[in-house]
Amino acid sequence: MAKRSRLAGRPGQRRPLQRTAPRPVSEAPAATPRPSTSITPEEEARAAEIEAQIVAEEKAATDAREARVRGRRADLDRAAYGSGTIAARAQDEYKYVQRDLRRIAIVGGFLIAIMVVLEILVNALHLFTL
C-alpha cells in the first residue's frame, strides 16, 4: 500500500495555498471611480420617510409592551389585594377543581348505575347463567 502524502489534505483541513509570484507594478489594476458621497434630495426624503416609519413602529411596540405590563400588574394587584376572605379568593382560583370533581362524581355515578343494572339482570332476572 502506498504511503499517503500530507499535501493531499485531511478531512476538515484545507489544502495548502498555491502562492504565485507578485505582480509587477505596471500591471496594477486601474482605480475604479468611487460613487459620489453627496445625497440627492429624493434619497434624503426617502430616508426621512423610512426613519419616520421605523420610529412609529418602535413606539407602537413600546406602547403595546407597556400595556401588557400594566395589565399583568393590575391582575397581580387584584389577586393580592382582592376583597373578601381567603376562601372567596380560593373559590375564584380553583373553579377548575370544582369542575373536575363534578365530572368525577358523574362518571362514578354512571359506573354505579351500570353495576346496579348488571346486578338486576344477572341475579334478579337470571338472564345470564354460567
C-alpha atoms as a PDB file:
ATOM      1  CA  MET A   1       0.000   0.000   0.000  1.00  0.00           C
ATOM      2  CA  ALA A   2       1.350   3.418  -0.914  1.00  0.00           C
ATOM      3  CA  LYS A   3       2.238   5.950   1.722  1.00  0.00           C
ATOM      4  CA  ARG A   4      -0.126   8.872   1.918  1.00  0.00           C
ATOM      5  CA  SER A   5       1.025  12.373   1.225  1.00  0.00           C
ATOM      6  CA  ARG A   6       0.345  15.167   3.668  1.00  0.00           C
ATOM      7  CA  LEU A   7      -0.205  17.564   0.781  1.00  0.00           C
ATOM      8  CA  ALA A   8      -3.424  15.820  -0.200  1.00  0.00           C
ATOM      9  CA  GLY A   9      -5.206  17.270   2.804  1.00  0.00           C
ATOM     10  CA  ARG A  10      -7.160  15.593   5.538  1.00  0.00           C
ATOM     11  CA  PRO A  11     -10.872  15.784   6.244  1.00  0.00           C
ATOM     12  CA  GLY A  12     -11.634  19.088   7.899  1.00  0.00           C
ATOM     13  CA  GLN A  13      -8.414  20.712   6.694  1.00  0.00           C
ATOM     14  CA  ARG A  14      -7.699  22.967   3.742  1.00  0.00           C
ATOM     15  CA  ARG A  15      -5.107  22.335   1.089  1.00  0.00           C
ATOM     16  CA  PRO A  16      -2.010  24.496   1.216  1.00  0.00           C
ATOM     17  CA  LEU A  17      -2.294  27.738  -0.734  1.00  0.00           C
ATOM     18  CA  GLN A  18      -0.655  27.865  -4.147  1.00  0.00           C
ATOM     19  CA  ARG A  19       1.422  31.018  -3.979  1.00  0.00           C
ATOM     20  CA  THR A  20       2.366  32.821  -7.161  1.00  0.00           C
ATOM     21  CA  ALA A  21       4.990  35.414  -7.867  1.00  0.00           C
ATOM     22  CA  PRO A  22       3.960  39.014  -7.107  1.00  0.00           C
ATOM     23  CA  ARG A  23       2.683  41.134  -9.980  1.00  0.00           C
ATOM     24  CA  PRO A  24       4.861  43.751 -11.496  1.00  0.00           C
ATOM     25  CA  VAL A  25       3.914  47.301 -10.607  1.00  0.00           C
ATOM     26  CA  SER A  26       2.975  48.120 -14.184  1.00  0.00           C
ATOM     27  CA  GLU A  27       0.087  45.617 -14.113  1.00  0.00           C
ATOM     28  CA  ALA A  28      -1.688  47.271 -11.170  1.00  0.00           C
ATOM     29  CA  PRO A  29      -5.446  47.479 -11.768  1.00  0.00           C
ATOM     30  CA  ALA A  30      -6.836  50.851 -12.683  1.00  0.00           C
ATOM     31  CA  ALA A  31      -8.549  52.721  -9.879  1.00  0.00           C
ATOM     32  CA  THR A  32     -12.313  52.394 -10.111  1.00  0.00           C
ATOM     33  CA  PRO A  33     -14.262  55.597  -9.688  1.00  0.00           C
ATOM     34  CA  ARG A  34     -15.961  55.846  -6.323  1.00  0.00           C
ATOM     35  CA  PRO A  35     -19.616  56.772  -6.122  1.00  0.00           C
ATOM     36  CA  SER A  36     -20.277  60.309  -5.111  1.00  0.00           C
ATOM     37  CA  THR A  37     -20.790  60.937  -1.429  1.00  0.00           C
ATOM     38  CA  SER A  38     -23.473  63.548  -1.941  1.00  0.00           C
ATOM     39  CA  ILE A  39     -27.099  62.630  -1.344  1.00  0.00           C
ATOM     40  CA  THR A  40     -29.830  63.727  -3.685  1.00  0.00           C
ATOM     41  CA  PRO A  41     -32.942  65.401  -2.262  1.00  0.00           C
ATOM     42  CA  GLU A  42     -35.071  62.403  -3.320  1.00  0.00           C
ATOM     43  CA  GLU A  43     -32.824  59.998  -1.404  1.00  0.00           C
ATOM     44  CA  GLU A  44     -32.887  62.261   1.629  1.00  0.00           C
ATOM     45  CA  ALA A  45     -36.715  62.448   1.568  1.00  0.00           C
ATOM     46  CA  ARG A  46     -36.977  58.676   1.205  1.00  0.00           C
ATOM     47  CA  ALA A  47     -34.571  58.172   4.139  1.00  0.00           C
ATOM     48  CA  ALA A  48     -36.614  60.556   6.293  1.00  0.00           C
ATOM     49  CA  GLU A  49     -39.803  58.690   5.369  1.00  0.00           C
ATOM     50  CA  ILE A  50     -38.292  55.303   6.269  1.00  0.00           C
ATOM     51  CA  GLU A  51     -36.916  56.665   9.537  1.00  0.00           C
ATOM     52  CA  ALA A  52     -40.318  58.094  10.491  1.00  0.00           C
ATOM     53  CA  GLN A  53     -41.937  54.724   9.743  1.00  0.00           C
ATOM     54  CA  ILE A  54     -39.371  52.871  11.891  1.00  0.00           C
ATOM     55  CA  VAL A  55     -39.841  55.311  14.776  1.00  0.00           C
ATOM     56  CA  ALA A  56     -43.633  54.887  14.584  1.00  0.00           C
ATOM     57  CA  GLU A  57     -43.339  51.066  14.633  1.00  0.00           C
ATOM     58  CA  GLU A  58     -40.968  51.183  17.615  1.00  0.00           C
ATOM     59  CA  LYS A  59     -43.339  53.479  19.501  1.00  0.00           C
ATOM     60  CA  ALA A  60     -46.289  51.166  18.804  1.00  0.00           C
ATOM     61  CA  ALA A  61     -44.288  48.144  20.013  1.00  0.00           C
ATOM     62  CA  THR A  62     -43.225  50.002  23.168  1.00  0.00           C
ATOM     63  CA  ASP A  63     -46.807  51.074  23.883  1.00  0.00           C
ATOM     64  CA  ALA A  64     -48.087  47.511  23.427  1.00  0.00           C
ATOM     65  CA  ARG A  65     -45.380  46.140  25.729  1.00  0.00           C
ATOM     66  CA  GLU A  66     -46.200  48.726  28.413  1.00  0.00           C
ATOM     67  CA  ALA A  67     -49.919  47.928  28.140  1.00  0.00           C
ATOM     68  CA  ARG A  68     -49.214  44.211  28.691  1.00  0.00           C
ATOM     69  CA  VAL A  69     -47.046  45.012  31.710  1.00  0.00           C
ATOM     70  CA  ARG A  70     -49.735  47.285  33.154  1.00  0.00           C
ATOM     71  CA  GLY A  71     -52.351  44.565  32.621  1.00  0.00           C
ATOM     72  CA  ARG A  72     -50.223  41.985  34.418  1.00  0.00           C
ATOM     73  CA  ARG A  73     -49.618  44.356  37.307  1.00  0.00           C
ATOM     74  CA  ALA A  74     -53.327  45.065  37.614  1.00  0.00           C
ATOM     75  CA  ASP A  75     -54.096  41.327  37.675  1.00  0.00           C
ATOM     76  CA  LEU A  76     -51.451  40.718  40.321  1.00  0.00           C
ATOM     77  CA  ASP A  77     -52.678  43.631  42.428  1.00  0.00           C
ATOM     78  CA  ARG A  78     -56.267  42.414  42.165  1.00  0.00           C
ATOM     79  CA  ALA A  79     -55.258  38.872  43.141  1.00  0.00           C
ATOM     80  CA  ALA A  80     -53.077  40.033  46.021  1.00  0.00           C
ATOM     81  CA  TYR A  81     -55.411  42.657  47.456  1.00  0.00           C
ATOM     82  CA  GLY A  82     -58.830  41.403  46.364  1.00  0.00           C
ATOM     83  CA  SER A  83     -61.750  41.982  48.631  1.00  0.00           C
ATOM     84  CA  GLY A  84     -63.088  39.122  50.717  1.00  0.00           C
ATOM     85  CA  THR A  85     -61.598  36.273  52.659  1.00  0.00           C
ATOM     86  CA  ILE A  86     -59.099  33.694  51.575  1.00  0.00           C
ATOM     87  CA  ALA A  87     -61.949  31.262  50.934  1.00  0.00           C
ATOM     88  CA  ALA A  88     -63.574  33.685  48.485  1.00  0.00           C
ATOM     89  CA  ARG A  89     -60.305  34.133  46.594  1.00  0.00           C
ATOM     90  CA  ALA A  90     -59.688  30.365  46.621  1.00  0.00           C
ATOM     91  CA  GLN A  91     -63.145  29.788  45.143  1.00  0.00           C
ATOM     92  CA  ASP A  92     -62.246  32.030  42.193  1.00  0.00           C
ATOM     93  CA  GLU A  93     -58.833  30.458  41.733  1.00  0.00           C
ATOM     94  CA  TYR A  94     -59.890  26.821  41.978  1.00  0.00           C
ATOM     95  CA  LYS A  95     -63.010  26.697  39.816  1.00  0.00           C
ATOM     96  CA  TYR A  96     -61.310  24.087  37.659  1.00  0.00           C
ATOM     97  CA  VAL A  97     -61.015  21.803  40.716  1.00  0.00           C
ATOM     98  CA  GLN A  98     -64.761  22.035  41.282  1.00  0.00           C
ATOM     99  CA  ARG A  99     -65.377  21.229  37.611  1.00  0.00           C
ATOM    100  CA  ASP A 100     -63.099  18.169  37.783  1.00  0.00           C
ATOM    101  CA  LEU A 101     -64.736  16.888  40.981  1.00  0.00           C
ATOM    102  CA  ARG A 102     -68.153  17.271  39.376  1.00  0.00           C
ATOM    103  CA  ARG A 103     -67.030  15.237  36.359  1.00  0.00           C
ATOM    104  CA  ILE A 104     -65.555  12.530  38.617  1.00  0.00           C
ATOM    105  CA  ALA A 105     -68.857  12.301  40.508  1.00  0.00           C
ATOM    106  CA  ILE A 106     -70.832  11.992  37.257  1.00  0.00           C
ATOM    107  CA  VAL A 107     -68.577   9.224  35.895  1.00  0.00           C
ATOM    108  CA  GLY A 108     -68.688   7.399  39.241  1.00  0.00           C
ATOM    109  CA  GLY A 109     -72.490   7.658  39.305  1.00  0.00           C
ATOM    110  CA  PHE A 110     -72.735   6.174  35.821  1.00  0.00           C
ATOM    111  CA  LEU A 111     -70.468   3.285  36.801  1.00  0.00           C
ATOM    112  CA  ILE A 112     -72.556   2.526  39.894  1.00  0.00           C
ATOM    113  CA  ALA A 113     -75.735   2.675  37.781  1.00  0.00           C
ATOM    114  CA  ILE A 114     -74.253   0.207  35.284  1.00  0.00           C
ATOM    115  CA  MET A 115     -73.277  -2.138  38.119  1.00  0.00           C
ATOM    116  CA  VAL A 116     -76.824  -1.967  39.558  1.00  0.00           C
ATOM    117  CA  VAL A 117     -78.347  -2.773  36.150  1.00  0.00           C
ATOM    118  CA  LEU A 118     -75.991  -5.722  35.713  1.00  0.00           C
ATOM    119  CA  GLU A 119     -76.816  -6.952  39.241  1.00  0.00           C
ATOM    120  CA  ILE A 120     -80.528  -6.916  38.429  1.00  0.00           C
ATOM    121  CA  LEU A 121     -80.006  -8.684  35.091  1.00  0.00           C
ATOM    122  CA  VAL A 122     -77.747 -11.404  36.485  1.00  0.00           C
ATOM    123  CA  ASN A 123     -79.166 -12.141  39.953  1.00  0.00           C
ATOM    124  CA  ALA A 124     -82.781 -10.990  39.949  1.00  0.00           C
ATOM    125  CA  LEU A 125     -83.858 -12.000  36.427  1.00  0.00           C
ATOM    126  CA  HIS A 126     -81.379 -14.858  35.979  1.00  0.00           C
ATOM    127  CA  LEU A 127     -80.870 -13.595  32.444  1.00  0.00           C
ATOM    128  CA  PHE A 128     -77.233 -14.754  32.260  1.00  0.00           C
ATOM    129  CA  THR A 129     -76.292 -18.123  33.695  1.00  0.00           C
ATOM    130  CA  LEU A 130     -72.933 -19.790  33.801  1.00  0.00           C
END
